């Protein structure tokens, strides 16, 4: 082992470059001419990198290692596809550490190559060891992050309207469901590296259709009625899909920015399906749209000052957004400033926003069982912020484990502590269980009442169901193959009993792949997992019988390219978790 390698491994613990779930992606084929899908551009990579042949300012730093224009542009594409989500477009850091040029230059190219190739204990995968970057690409990235970050162009209302397309007008859409699908038990499955979503029938386990979308869809959300499916992801493209059509298809698209993570629709009584909202990573903003056509109505910047140090931040990204069930409000979580915005959508001309100081680096989260309190992870502060949406204020900041990452989290009625909500962690092997009932269980409210032991660190998602007695927890970002391929299953009626650990990748007959994102079916007797294999390898969806914890089905299809998030229509529509 040479000196550089030893030094670099020793430094891994002090400078984790953070996790990235992204695999390499190549532009997929465009939609078939003559079909609605063929009339818009499908994302094949982050649009932050710019259009083909489009220059982006490259500052020449005399202290940075030299790069050709071709190398710089390649590094820019890789960074925006794989790294920007954690480290930020301007590399100021959030879930991942800041990658400031002067700091990177002190570490040096050879040591940085070790980080990129082997990964870190903090959760970043080894891109070289996983064959996701070539030796040449590793070298390019080690030099690229020592350069001054290029600033992508802004994206405003003009650009949004220019990108907006209504492929099937509202009056041309069906007035009733034209297919025989059991829509409440339909699943929308992200096919990350092909820039698509697969709609899978939860009863037959068959793929209904595969729809081209933007690149690396991050989330699927349902309208209040359950008719319309909205997707958005890492190129900022939104797809509006009509599930009532004979074969569900995209009826409208818009690009709200260059990178996005969140979308939702109005759910308060009287506003069913009327409005949609999307949050963008770049430019940092949220956009209000017509829920039926995606026509952009209002764009609001989130640039501003951090809640604690009152310092200006140029990149406060919108992480998660949920729609309130008790008021005409959207709950907008702004990562870098640590603020939760309650956006009253009842009068867009006179927009009223309640700004709540929560905690910095807000990420994902979900409702408690009453749907009054929103539980959102401030993962780099090891905190879950509790927002009382009825009173419009912060209820509590709860200290949990290292880097909470709940997805939507999990709710159940604990045998000892009453109603609780739980999160797993990226940075340790625990599950934090928080009491959520200040009315009838005041002594337990907004406290960690249990700490459960997962089978490893690196948990991305946790899930149960009102009709289930099980809690399923993944560890998809663990550096250990056996751990990332397995899940922990806890029996909710006896949490003193250790979890059962099940290797789902082996059940699927897949030797290499991360197991991630449990999702229940409509009736709560099945739980679905993604076995997320390499881009050019085999992936699958594993369906487990929730009661017996036995394998029920394995869904394999050449079209299932890196399946990630799975969203059951009914559960997503009604926020069941």
Protein backbone atom coordinates (compact mmCIF):
# COMPACT_ATOMS: atom_id res chain seq x y z
CA UNK A 1 0.00 0.00 0.00
CA UNK A 2 1.62 3.30 -1.07
CA UNK A 3 1.81 6.43 1.11
CA UNK A 4 -0.80 8.34 -0.84
CA UNK A 5 -3.31 5.52 -0.51
CA UNK A 6 -2.69 5.17 3.24
CA UNK A 7 -3.05 8.93 3.74
CA UNK A 8 -6.22 9.05 1.73
CA UNK A 9 -7.89 6.20 3.59
CA UNK A 10 -7.01 7.87 6.88
CA UNK A 11 -8.65 11.06 5.67
CA UNK A 12 -11.91 9.39 4.67
CA UNK A 13 -13.46 9.83 8.07
CA UNK A 14 -12.64 13.53 8.24
CA UNK A 15 -13.87 14.50 4.80
CA UNK A 16 -16.72 12.38 3.54
CA UNK A 17 -17.88 13.56 0.15
CA UNK A 18 -21.37 12.31 1.04
CA UNK A 19 -23.71 9.87 -0.52
CA UNK A 20 -25.03 9.82 -4.02
CA UNK A 21 -27.69 7.43 -5.21
CA UNK A 22 -27.15 8.20 -8.85
CA UNK A 23 -25.78 5.79 -11.41
CA UNK A 24 -24.36 6.85 -14.75
CA UNK A 25 -26.98 7.67 -17.28
CA UNK A 26 -26.97 7.85 -21.03
CA UNK A 27 -29.58 9.71 -23.05
CA UNK A 28 -32.43 7.33 -23.86
CA UNK A 29 -34.20 7.28 -27.15
CA UNK A 30 -36.81 9.96 -27.69
CA UNK A 31 -40.52 9.29 -27.81
CA UNK A 32 -42.09 7.78 -30.90
CA UNK A 33 -42.97 10.42 -33.50
CA UNK A 34 -46.68 10.98 -33.78
CA UNK A 35 -47.39 10.18 -30.15
CA UNK A 36 -47.78 12.77 -27.38
CA UNK A 37 -44.55 11.52 -25.82
CA UNK A 38 -42.68 12.21 -29.05
CA UNK A 39 -43.54 15.90 -28.95
CA UNK A 40 -41.32 16.87 -26.04
CA UNK A 41 -37.67 16.31 -25.18
CA UNK A 42 -37.01 13.56 -22.69
CA UNK A 43 -34.28 14.29 -20.19
CA UNK A 44 -31.19 12.12 -20.55
CA UNK A 45 -29.11 13.86 -17.92
CA UNK A 46 -29.19 16.90 -15.72
CA UNK A 47 -30.00 20.04 -17.68
CA UNK A 48 -27.75 21.90 -15.23
CA UNK A 49 -24.85 20.85 -17.40
CA UNK A 50 -26.23 22.89 -20.26
CA UNK A 51 -27.31 21.94 -23.74
CA UNK A 52 -24.97 20.11 -26.06
CA UNK A 53 -22.38 22.51 -27.38
CA UNK A 54 -23.44 25.28 -24.97
CA UNK A 55 -20.57 26.98 -23.17
CA UNK A 56 -20.68 27.62 -19.46
CA UNK A 57 -18.24 30.01 -17.87
CA UNK A 58 -15.01 28.28 -16.86
CA UNK A 59 -12.81 30.24 -14.48
CA UNK A 60 -9.15 29.39 -14.82
CA UNK A 61 -7.68 29.00 -11.35
CA UNK A 62 -3.85 29.01 -11.51
CA UNK A 63 -3.72 26.90 -8.32
CA UNK A 64 -5.98 24.17 -9.73
CA UNK A 65 -4.67 21.32 -11.89
CA UNK A 66 -5.06 21.99 -15.61
CA UNK A 67 -8.09 20.73 -17.51
CA UNK A 68 -8.95 20.89 -21.17
CA UNK A 69 -12.30 22.30 -22.21
CA UNK A 70 -13.47 18.78 -23.11
CA UNK A 71 -12.42 17.44 -19.69
CA UNK A 72 -14.08 20.35 -17.88
CA UNK A 73 -17.36 19.84 -19.74
CA UNK A 74 -17.29 16.11 -19.00
CA UNK A 75 -16.63 16.78 -15.32
CA UNK A 76 -19.45 19.32 -15.28
CA UNK A 77 -21.92 16.75 -16.63
CA UNK A 78 -20.86 14.06 -14.18
CA UNK A 79 -20.97 16.47 -11.24
CA UNK A 80 -24.47 17.74 -11.99
CA UNK A 81 -25.76 14.21 -12.64
CA UNK A 82 -24.27 12.58 -9.56
CA UNK A 83 -22.98 15.06 -7.01
CA UNK A 84 -24.93 18.33 -7.05
CA UNK A 85 -27.91 16.87 -5.20
CA UNK A 86 -25.83 16.42 -2.03
CA UNK A 87 -23.06 18.99 -2.39
CA UNK A 88 -25.04 21.77 -4.10
CA UNK A 89 -24.72 23.41 -7.50
CA UNK A 90 -22.30 25.98 -6.05
CA UNK A 91 -20.63 23.28 -3.91
CA UNK A 92 -21.54 24.94 -0.63
CA UNK A 93 -22.63 21.61 0.86
CA UNK A 94 -25.81 20.32 2.53
CA UNK A 95 -26.30 16.57 2.87
CA UNK A 96 -22.75 16.35 1.58
CA UNK A 97 -19.75 18.34 2.72
CA UNK A 98 -18.76 21.62 1.01
CA UNK A 99 -16.40 21.05 -1.91
CA UNK A 100 -14.70 24.43 -1.92
CA UNK A 101 -11.87 24.68 -4.48
CA UNK A 102 -9.17 25.84 -2.08
CA UNK A 103 -9.99 23.04 0.36
CA UNK A 104 -9.95 20.48 -2.44
CA UNK A 105 -6.63 21.81 -3.71
CA UNK A 106 -5.08 21.26 -0.26
CA UNK A 107 -6.13 17.60 -0.38
CA UNK A 108 -4.70 17.19 -3.88
CA UNK A 109 -5.59 15.20 -6.95
CA UNK A 110 -4.19 11.83 -5.93
CA UNK A 111 -6.00 11.76 -2.58
CA UNK A 112 -9.25 12.98 -4.14
CA UNK A 113 -9.05 10.15 -6.66
CA UNK A 114 -9.11 7.72 -3.74
CA UNK A 115 -12.28 9.34 -2.36
CA UNK A 116 -14.04 9.14 -5.70
CA UNK A 117 -12.85 5.62 -6.48
CA UNK A 118 -13.36 3.96 -3.08
CA UNK A 119 -16.11 6.08 -1.47
CA UNK A 120 -16.25 7.08 2.19
CA UNK A 121 -17.62 5.75 5.47
CA UNK A 122 -19.97 8.76 5.45
CA UNK A 123 -22.12 7.18 2.77
CA UNK A 124 -20.59 8.08 -0.56
CA UNK A 125 -20.36 5.00 -2.80
CA UNK A 126 -17.12 4.02 -4.47
CA UNK A 127 -17.72 5.00 -8.08
CA UNK A 128 -14.60 3.25 -9.24
CA UNK A 129 -15.04 0.03 -7.29
CA UNK A 130 -18.64 -0.19 -8.50
CA UNK A 131 -17.51 0.28 -12.11
CA UNK A 132 -19.67 3.38 -12.36
CA UNK A 133 -16.71 5.58 -13.33
CA UNK A 134 -13.73 4.68 -15.43
CA UNK A 135 -10.22 5.42 -14.22
CA UNK A 136 -10.17 8.37 -16.59
CA UNK A 137 -13.47 9.74 -15.24
CA UNK A 138 -12.24 9.39 -11.65
CA UNK A 139 -9.19 11.44 -12.57
CA UNK A 140 -11.33 14.08 -14.30
CA UNK A 141 -13.61 14.43 -11.25
CA UNK A 142 -10.66 14.70 -8.86
CA UNK A 143 -9.38 17.64 -10.90
CA UNK A 144 -12.81 19.14 -11.62
CA UNK A 145 -13.76 19.70 -7.98
CA UNK A 146 -10.59 21.76 -7.56
CA UNK A 147 -11.85 24.21 -10.18
CA UNK A 148 -14.09 27.22 -9.55
CA UNK A 149 -17.71 25.99 -9.80
CA UNK A 150 -19.51 27.21 -12.91
CA UNK A 151 -22.84 28.93 -12.29
CA UNK A 152 -25.71 27.60 -14.45
CA UNK A 153 -28.06 30.09 -16.09
CA UNK A 154 -31.19 31.28 -14.33
CA UNK A 155 -34.62 29.94 -15.25
CA UNK A 156 -37.62 32.24 -14.95
CA UNK A 157 -41.23 32.58 -16.02
CA UNK A 158 -40.34 33.20 -19.68
CA UNK A 159 -38.30 30.00 -19.87
CA UNK A 160 -41.02 28.05 -18.08
CA UNK A 161 -43.73 29.24 -20.44
CA UNK A 162 -41.52 28.50 -23.45
CA UNK A 163 -41.08 24.93 -22.19
CA UNK A 164 -44.74 24.40 -21.26
CA UNK A 165 -46.71 22.01 -23.50
CA UNK A 166 -50.30 20.80 -23.24
CA UNK A 167 -50.23 17.61 -25.27
CA UNK A 168 -53.88 16.68 -24.70
CA UNK A 169 -56.20 19.61 -23.87
CA UNK A 170 -58.55 19.21 -20.92
CA UNK A 171 -61.64 19.10 -23.16
CA UNK A 172 -60.11 16.26 -25.18
CA UNK A 173 -59.55 14.04 -22.15
CA UNK A 174 -62.00 11.33 -21.09
CA UNK A 175 -64.88 12.14 -18.74
CA UNK A 176 -64.64 8.75 -17.06
CA UNK A 177 -62.03 6.06 -16.56
CA UNK A 178 -61.52 4.39 -19.95
CA UNK A 179 -59.45 1.43 -18.76
CA UNK A 180 -60.18 -1.45 -16.41
CA UNK A 181 -57.20 -0.87 -14.14
CA UNK A 182 -57.61 -1.06 -10.39
CA UNK A 183 -56.16 2.44 -10.08
CA UNK A 184 -55.94 2.54 -6.26
CA UNK A 185 -53.57 -0.44 -6.45
CA UNK A 186 -51.49 0.87 -9.35
CA UNK A 187 -47.78 1.58 -8.72
CA UNK A 188 -45.72 4.32 -10.33
CA UNK A 189 -42.11 3.08 -10.41
CA UNK A 190 -39.16 5.33 -11.18
CA UNK A 191 -36.76 3.88 -13.78
CA UNK A 192 -33.94 6.16 -12.88
CA UNK A 193 -31.38 5.65 -15.63
CA UNK A 194 -33.74 5.29 -18.57
CA UNK A 195 -35.61 8.53 -17.83
CA UNK A 196 -38.95 6.73 -17.48
CA UNK A 197 -41.60 5.55 -15.07
CA UNK A 198 -43.27 2.16 -15.23
CA UNK A 199 -46.91 1.83 -14.24
CA UNK A 200 -47.35 -1.63 -12.69
CA UNK A 201 -50.66 -3.29 -11.83
CA UNK A 202 -50.50 -4.23 -8.17
CA UNK A 203 -52.86 -7.18 -8.67
CA UNK A 204 -51.31 -8.93 -11.66
CA UNK A 205 -47.77 -7.61 -11.08
CA UNK A 206 -47.63 -6.81 -14.82
CA UNK A 207 -46.26 -3.64 -16.40
CA UNK A 208 -49.18 -1.66 -17.82
CA UNK A 209 -47.04 0.85 -19.69
CA UNK A 210 -43.68 2.58 -19.57
CA UNK A 211 -43.77 6.36 -19.98
CA UNK A 212 -40.88 8.58 -20.92
CA UNK A 213 -40.29 11.30 -18.37
CA UNK A 214 -37.54 13.60 -17.27
CA UNK A 215 -34.18 12.29 -16.15
CA UNK A 216 -33.95 10.56 -12.75
CA UNK A 217 -37.49 11.12 -11.51
CA UNK A 218 -37.29 11.76 -7.79
CA UNK A 219 -40.95 11.50 -6.83
CA UNK A 220 -44.44 10.65 -8.07
CA UNK A 221 -47.41 12.38 -6.50
CA UNK A 222 -51.15 11.98 -7.01
CA UNK A 223 -53.88 14.54 -7.32
CA UNK A 224 -56.59 14.65 -4.67
CA UNK A 225 -58.94 12.72 -6.95
CA UNK A 226 -56.36 10.06 -7.74
CA UNK A 227 -56.77 10.68 -11.46
CA UNK A 228 -53.60 12.63 -12.24
CA UNK A 229 -50.04 11.50 -11.60
CA UNK A 230 -47.26 14.12 -11.40
CA UNK A 231 -43.54 13.33 -11.67
CA UNK A 232 -40.43 15.49 -11.40
CA UNK A 233 -36.72 14.92 -11.00
CA UNK A 234 -33.18 15.91 -11.72
CA UNK A 235 -33.70 17.83 -14.94
CA UNK A 236 -36.63 19.86 -13.60
CA UNK A 237 -39.09 18.38 -16.10
CA UNK A 238 -42.63 17.73 -14.83
CA UNK A 239 -44.89 15.15 -16.45
CA UNK A 240 -48.65 15.24 -15.89
CA UNK A 241 -50.05 11.76 -16.56
CA UNK A 242 -53.78 11.05 -16.97
CA UNK A 243 -54.58 7.63 -15.46
CA UNK A 244 -58.12 7.63 -16.89
CA UNK A 245 -57.01 7.20 -20.49
CA UNK A 246 -57.34 3.84 -22.18
CA UNK A 247 -53.58 3.60 -21.73
CA UNK A 248 -52.33 6.21 -19.25
CA UNK A 249 -50.21 8.84 -20.96
CA UNK A 250 -48.58 12.22 -20.46
CA UNK A 251 -51.01 15.08 -21.18
CA UNK A 252 -48.83 18.08 -20.23
CA UNK A 253 -45.20 18.90 -19.46
CA UNK A 254 -43.20 21.83 -18.20
CA UNK A 255 -39.64 22.43 -17.06
CA UNK A 256 -39.74 24.53 -13.88
CA UNK A 257 -35.97 24.70 -13.50
CA UNK A 258 -32.76 22.82 -14.13
CA UNK A 259 -33.04 20.47 -11.15
CA UNK A 260 -35.96 19.55 -8.90
CA UNK A 261 -36.96 17.15 -6.13
CA UNK A 262 -40.54 17.87 -5.09
CA UNK A 263 -44.08 18.30 -6.35
CA UNK A 264 -47.58 18.10 -4.88
CA UNK A 265 -51.16 19.20 -5.54
CA UNK A 266 -53.88 21.04 -3.64
CA UNK A 267 -55.80 18.73 -1.29
CA UNK A 268 -57.94 21.04 0.85
CA UNK A 269 -61.69 20.71 0.30
CA UNK A 270 -62.83 22.83 -2.63
CA UNK A 271 -59.42 22.91 -4.28
CA UNK A 272 -59.33 19.29 -5.47
CA UNK A 273 -56.78 18.92 -8.30
CA UNK A 274 -56.88 22.65 -9.04
CA UNK A 275 -53.29 23.63 -8.24
CA UNK A 276 -49.87 22.03 -8.40
CA UNK A 277 -46.64 23.18 -6.83
CA UNK A 278 -43.05 22.21 -7.63
CA UNK A 279 -39.86 23.04 -5.79
CA UNK A 280 -36.57 23.44 -7.61
CA UNK A 281 -32.94 22.99 -6.63
CA UNK A 282 -31.78 25.34 -9.37
CA UNK A 283 -32.71 28.09 -9.49
CA UNK A 284 -33.81 27.88 -5.83
CA UNK A 285 -37.53 28.56 -6.01
CA UNK A 286 -41.03 27.11 -5.96
CA UNK A 287 -43.58 27.39 -8.75
CA UNK A 288 -47.39 27.37 -8.54
CA UNK A 289 -49.20 25.93 -11.56
CA UNK A 290 -52.63 25.05 -12.86
CA UNK A 291 -53.23 21.49 -11.70
CA UNK A 292 -54.93 20.37 -14.95
CA UNK A 293 -52.56 21.90 -17.51
CA UNK A 294 -49.32 22.79 -15.65
CA UNK A 295 -49.63 26.41 -16.82
CA UNK A 296 -47.16 28.35 -14.62
CA UNK A 297 -48.98 30.94 -12.52
CA UNK A 298 -46.45 32.22 -10.03
CA UNK A 299 -42.77 31.67 -9.28
CA UNK A 300 -41.26 32.53 -5.89
CA UNK A 301 -37.55 32.64 -5.13
CA UNK A 302 -36.25 31.09 -1.90
CA UNK A 303 -32.94 32.95 -1.90
CA UNK A 304 -32.40 34.71 1.38
CA UNK A 305 -30.93 34.50 4.85
CA UNK A 306 -30.31 31.52 7.10
CA UNK A 307 -32.57 31.42 10.14
CA UNK A 308 -29.72 31.05 12.65
CA UNK A 309 -26.68 33.02 11.53
CA UNK A 310 -28.70 35.45 9.37
CA UNK A 311 -26.23 35.11 6.54
CA UNK A 312 -27.27 35.43 2.92
CA UNK A 313 -27.38 32.16 1.00
CA UNK A 314 -27.50 32.09 -2.80
CA UNK A 315 -28.73 28.49 -3.12
CA UNK A 316 -31.50 27.64 -0.61
CA UNK A 317 -33.00 24.62 -2.36
CA UNK A 318 -36.58 23.43 -1.98
CA UNK A 319 -36.38 19.88 -0.69
CA UNK A 320 -39.76 18.38 0.17
CA UNK A 321 -43.27 19.76 -0.36
CA UNK A 322 -46.53 18.39 1.05
CA UNK A 323 -50.10 19.58 0.80
CA UNK A 324 -52.02 20.33 3.99
CA UNK A 325 -55.25 18.43 4.61
CA UNK A 326 -56.60 20.98 7.11
CA UNK A 327 -55.91 24.32 5.38
CA UNK A 328 -55.46 25.59 1.79
CA UNK A 329 -51.69 25.53 2.26
CA UNK A 330 -48.58 23.93 0.88
CA UNK A 331 -45.77 23.06 3.29
CA UNK A 332 -42.51 24.05 1.56
CA UNK A 333 -39.23 23.01 3.18
CA UNK A 334 -36.18 25.11 2.31
CA UNK A 335 -32.99 23.17 2.86
CA UNK A 336 -30.12 25.62 3.37
CA UNK A 337 -31.92 28.41 5.25
CA UNK A 338 -33.70 26.04 7.64
CA UNK A 339 -37.12 27.57 7.05
CA UNK A 340 -40.50 25.94 6.55
CA UNK A 341 -42.92 28.00 4.46
CA UNK A 342 -46.68 27.57 4.84
CA UNK A 343 -47.92 28.91 1.49
CA UNK A 344 -51.62 29.87 1.49
CA UNK A 345 -52.86 29.19 -2.04
CA UNK A 346 -56.41 30.52 -1.57
CA UNK A 347 -55.48 33.86 -3.20
CA UNK A 348 -52.46 33.76 -5.51
CA UNK A 349 -52.72 37.48 -6.27
CA UNK A 350 -52.28 38.26 -2.59
CA UNK A 351 -50.06 35.38 -1.57
CA UNK A 352 -49.71 34.90 2.17
CA UNK A 353 -46.78 32.89 3.50
CA UNK A 354 -45.99 31.91 7.08
CA UNK A 355 -42.24 31.56 7.59
CA UNK A 356 -41.24 29.15 10.36
CA UNK A 357 -37.71 28.90 11.73
CA UNK A 358 -37.01 25.18 12.04
CA UNK A 359 -33.49 23.84 11.48
CA UNK A 360 -31.01 23.96 8.64
CA UNK A 361 -30.60 21.41 5.90
CA UNK A 362 -34.23 20.32 5.80
CA UNK A 363 -34.70 17.31 3.57
CA UNK A 364 -37.56 14.82 3.47
CA UNK A 365 -40.36 13.96 5.87
CA UNK A 366 -44.01 13.03 6.33
CA UNK A 367 -47.18 13.58 8.32
CA UNK A 368 -47.91 12.14 11.71
CA UNK A 369 -50.99 9.90 11.87
CA UNK A 370 -53.31 12.86 12.61
CA UNK A 371 -51.98 14.76 9.55
CA UNK A 372 -51.67 17.87 11.69
CA UNK A 373 -47.93 17.72 12.34
CA UNK A 374 -45.34 17.57 9.60
CA UNK A 375 -42.15 15.74 10.59
CA UNK A 376 -39.17 16.83 8.49
CA UNK A 377 -35.56 15.71 8.77
CA UNK A 378 -32.81 18.31 9.08
CA UNK A 379 -30.32 15.59 8.32
CA UNK A 380 -27.02 17.40 8.72
CA UNK A 381 -28.15 18.71 12.11
CA UNK A 382 -29.28 15.24 13.32
CA UNK A 383 -32.71 16.69 13.99
CA UNK A 384 -36.35 16.13 13.12
CA UNK A 385 -38.32 19.38 13.06
CA UNK A 386 -42.01 19.14 13.97
CA UNK A 387 -44.29 21.72 12.33
CA UNK A 388 -47.78 22.29 13.72
CA UNK A 389 -49.69 23.15 10.55
CA UNK A 390 -52.90 23.94 12.48
CA UNK A 391 -51.27 26.60 14.64
CA UNK A 392 -48.71 27.60 12.00
CA UNK A 393 -45.63 27.29 14.18
CA UNK A 394 -42.75 25.05 15.17
CA UNK A 395 -43.82 22.48 17.75
CA UNK A 396 -40.38 21.05 18.49
CA UNK A 397 -36.91 20.19 17.26
CA UNK A 398 -36.14 16.59 18.20
CA UNK A 399 -32.55 15.33 18.32
CA UNK A 400 -32.25 11.89 16.72
CA UNK A 401 -29.41 9.79 15.28
CA UNK A 402 -26.86 10.63 12.63
CA UNK A 403 -28.31 12.05 9.39
CA UNK A 404 -32.00 11.09 9.57
CA UNK A 405 -33.50 10.14 6.21
CA UNK A 406 -37.09 8.96 6.70
CA UNK A 407 -38.59 9.26 3.24
CA UNK A 408 -42.13 9.83 4.49
CA UNK A 409 -41.37 7.97 7.71
CA UNK A 410 -43.66 5.45 9.40
CA UNK A 411 -46.62 5.83 11.78
CA UNK A 412 -48.05 3.31 14.22
CA UNK A 413 -49.76 3.11 17.62
CA UNK A 414 -47.04 1.90 19.96
CA UNK A 415 -48.14 -0.56 22.63
CA UNK A 416 -46.39 1.49 25.31
CA UNK A 417 -46.06 5.06 24.04
CA UNK A 418 -49.17 5.64 21.91
CA UNK A 419 -49.01 7.24 18.43
CA UNK A 420 -45.43 7.44 17.12
CA UNK A 421 -43.52 8.28 13.94
CA UNK A 422 -40.12 6.86 13.03
CA UNK A 423 -37.08 7.57 10.89
CA UNK A 424 -33.99 5.62 9.88
CA UNK A 425 -30.53 7.18 9.50
CA UNK A 426 -27.87 7.50 6.86
CA UNK A 427 -25.08 7.84 9.38
CA UNK A 428 -25.77 5.07 11.90
CA UNK A 429 -27.62 1.77 12.35
CA UNK A 430 -30.51 3.05 14.46
CA UNK A 431 -34.18 3.84 14.00
CA UNK A 432 -35.51 6.77 16.07
CA UNK A 433 -39.12 6.43 17.27
CA UNK A 434 -40.76 9.74 18.24
CA UNK A 435 -43.99 10.23 20.23
CA UNK A 436 -46.52 12.33 18.27
CA UNK A 437 -49.58 12.74 20.49
CA UNK A 438 -49.34 15.84 22.75
CA UNK A 439 -53.08 15.63 23.60
CA UNK A 440 -53.35 12.14 25.10
CA UNK A 441 -49.68 11.18 25.55
CA UNK A 442 -48.11 14.50 26.50
CA UNK A 443 -45.19 12.95 28.40
CA UNK A 444 -44.06 11.16 25.23
CA UNK A 445 -44.69 13.94 22.72
CA UNK A 446 -41.76 15.13 20.63
CA UNK A 447 -39.31 12.81 22.38
CA UNK A 448 -37.39 9.79 21.14
CA UNK A 449 -39.21 7.07 23.05
CA UNK A 450 -37.47 4.10 21.41
CA UNK A 451 -34.22 3.50 19.58
CA UNK A 452 -34.29 0.37 17.42
CA UNK A 453 -31.24 -1.31 15.90
CA UNK A 454 -31.21 -1.66 12.13
CA UNK A 455 -29.03 -4.30 10.47
CA UNK A 456 -26.65 -1.61 9.25
CA UNK A 457 -26.21 2.08 8.57
CA UNK A 458 -27.21 3.88 5.40
CA UNK A 459 -31.00 3.65 5.65
CA UNK A 460 -32.89 5.57 3.00
CA UNK A 461 -36.49 4.51 3.67
CA UNK A 462 -38.71 3.08 6.37
CA UNK A 463 -42.32 1.96 6.04
CA UNK A 464 -45.33 0.37 7.74
CA UNK A 465 -49.09 0.43 7.10
CA UNK A 466 -52.15 0.93 9.33
CA UNK A 467 -53.15 -2.70 8.71
CA UNK A 468 -49.65 -4.10 9.30
CA UNK A 469 -47.83 -5.27 12.42
CA UNK A 470 -44.44 -4.96 10.69
CA UNK A 471 -41.92 -2.18 10.21
CA UNK A 472 -39.59 -2.57 7.21
CA UNK A 473 -36.26 -0.70 7.08
CA UNK A 474 -33.67 -0.71 4.29
CA UNK A 475 -29.93 0.07 4.44
CA UNK A 476 -29.37 0.81 0.77
CA UNK A 477 -26.35 3.08 1.26
CA UNK A 478 -24.37 0.74 3.46
CA UNK A 479 -20.87 0.11 2.06
CA UNK A 480 -21.29 -3.63 2.79
CA UNK A 481 -22.89 -5.75 0.06
CA UNK A 482 -24.74 -8.08 2.44
CA UNK A 483 -26.19 -5.15 4.38
CA UNK A 484 -27.30 -3.10 1.38
CA UNK A 485 -28.98 -6.18 -0.10
CA UNK A 486 -31.00 -6.85 3.06
CA UNK A 487 -33.80 -5.33 5.12
CA UNK A 488 -34.75 -5.37 8.79
CA UNK A 489 -38.30 -6.34 9.78
CA UNK A 490 -39.52 -5.35 13.25
CA UNK A 491 -42.62 -6.77 14.92
CA UNK A 492 -44.52 -3.72 16.17
CA UNK A 493 -46.34 -5.57 18.94
CA UNK A 494 -43.04 -6.60 20.54
CA UNK A 495 -40.23 -4.18 19.73
CA UNK A 496 -38.00 -5.68 22.39
CA UNK A 497 -37.54 -8.57 19.98
CA UNK A 498 -34.61 -8.13 17.54
CA UNK A 499 -35.47 -7.51 13.92
CA UNK A 500 -35.51 -10.30 11.37
CA UNK A 501 -32.95 -9.63 8.62
CA UNK A 502 -33.87 -10.82 5.12
CA UNK A 503 -31.60 -10.69 2.07
CA UNK A 504 -34.04 -9.68 -0.66
CA UNK A 505 -31.45 -9.53 -3.43
CA UNK A 506 -30.76 -13.25 -2.96
CA UNK A 507 -34.49 -13.98 -3.02
CA UNK A 508 -34.62 -12.16 -6.36
CA UNK A 509 -31.65 -14.12 -7.68
CA UNK A 510 -29.56 -10.97 -8.11
CA UNK A 511 -25.95 -11.01 -6.94
CA UNK A 512 -25.30 -7.26 -7.08
CA UNK A 513 -27.85 -4.59 -6.25
CA UNK A 514 -29.05 -2.27 -3.51
CA UNK A 515 -32.42 -3.01 -1.92
CA UNK A 516 -34.39 0.18 -1.34
CA UNK A 517 -37.73 1.88 -0.83
CA UNK A 518 -40.42 -0.30 0.75
CA UNK A 519 -43.94 0.53 -0.41
CA UNK A 520 -47.20 -1.18 0.55
CA UNK A 521 -50.02 -2.12 -1.74
CA UNK A 522 -53.51 -0.69 -1.32
CA UNK A 523 -54.71 -3.30 1.20
CA UNK A 524 -51.52 -3.33 3.26
CA UNK A 525 -50.83 -7.06 2.93
CA UNK A 526 -47.89 -6.76 0.50
CA UNK A 527 -44.72 -4.70 0.67
CA UNK A 528 -42.71 -3.98 -2.50
CA UNK A 529 -38.95 -3.36 -2.68
CA UNK A 530 -36.61 -2.29 -5.47
CA UNK A 531 -33.49 -4.33 -6.08
CA UNK A 532 -31.53 -1.56 -7.73
CA UNK A 533 -28.85 -3.14 -9.89
CA UNK A 534 -26.19 -1.47 -12.04
CA UNK A 535 -27.35 0.43 -15.11
CA UNK A 536 -26.24 -2.33 -17.43
CA UNK A 537 -27.03 -5.18 -15.02
CA UNK A 538 -30.17 -6.87 -13.79
CA UNK A 539 -32.71 -5.18 -11.52
CA UNK A 540 -35.99 -6.38 -10.06
CA UNK A 541 -38.91 -5.60 -7.81
CA UNK A 542 -39.43 -7.99 -4.92
CA UNK A 543 -42.93 -8.40 -3.46
CA UNK A 544 -43.11 -9.75 0.09
CA UNK A 545 -46.14 -11.13 1.92
CA UNK A 546 -46.34 -8.76 4.87
CA UNK A 547 -47.93 -11.22 7.30
CA UNK A 548 -45.68 -14.22 6.64
CA UNK A 549 -42.59 -12.25 5.57
CA UNK A 550 -42.19 -14.74 2.74
CA UNK A 551 -41.45 -14.05 -0.91
CA UNK A 552 -44.62 -13.58 -2.92
CA UNK A 553 -43.36 -12.46 -6.33
CA UNK A 554 -40.32 -11.23 -8.22
CA UNK A 555 -40.94 -8.82 -11.08
CA UNK A 556 -38.21 -8.91 -13.70
CA UNK A 557 -38.36 -7.23 -17.07
CA UNK A 558 -35.70 -5.80 -19.37
CA UNK A 559 -37.60 -2.51 -19.18
CA UNK A 560 -37.02 -2.26 -15.41
CA UNK A 561 -33.81 -0.22 -15.62
CA UNK A 562 -32.58 0.76 -12.15
CA UNK A 563 -36.04 0.87 -10.50
CA UNK A 564 -35.98 3.10 -7.42
CA UNK A 565 -39.02 4.79 -5.86
CA UNK A 566 -42.38 3.02 -6.05
CA UNK A 567 -45.55 4.93 -5.30
CA UNK A 568 -48.86 3.18 -4.76
CA UNK A 569 -51.68 5.38 -6.04
CA UNK A 570 -53.98 5.08 -3.01
CA UNK A 571 -51.28 5.35 -0.37
CA UNK A 572 -49.65 8.32 -2.07
CA UNK A 573 -53.01 10.00 -2.72
CA UNK A 574 -54.01 9.74 0.95
CA UNK A 575 -50.57 10.02 2.61
CA UNK A 576 -50.74 6.53 4.09
CA UNK A 577 -47.50 5.47 5.72
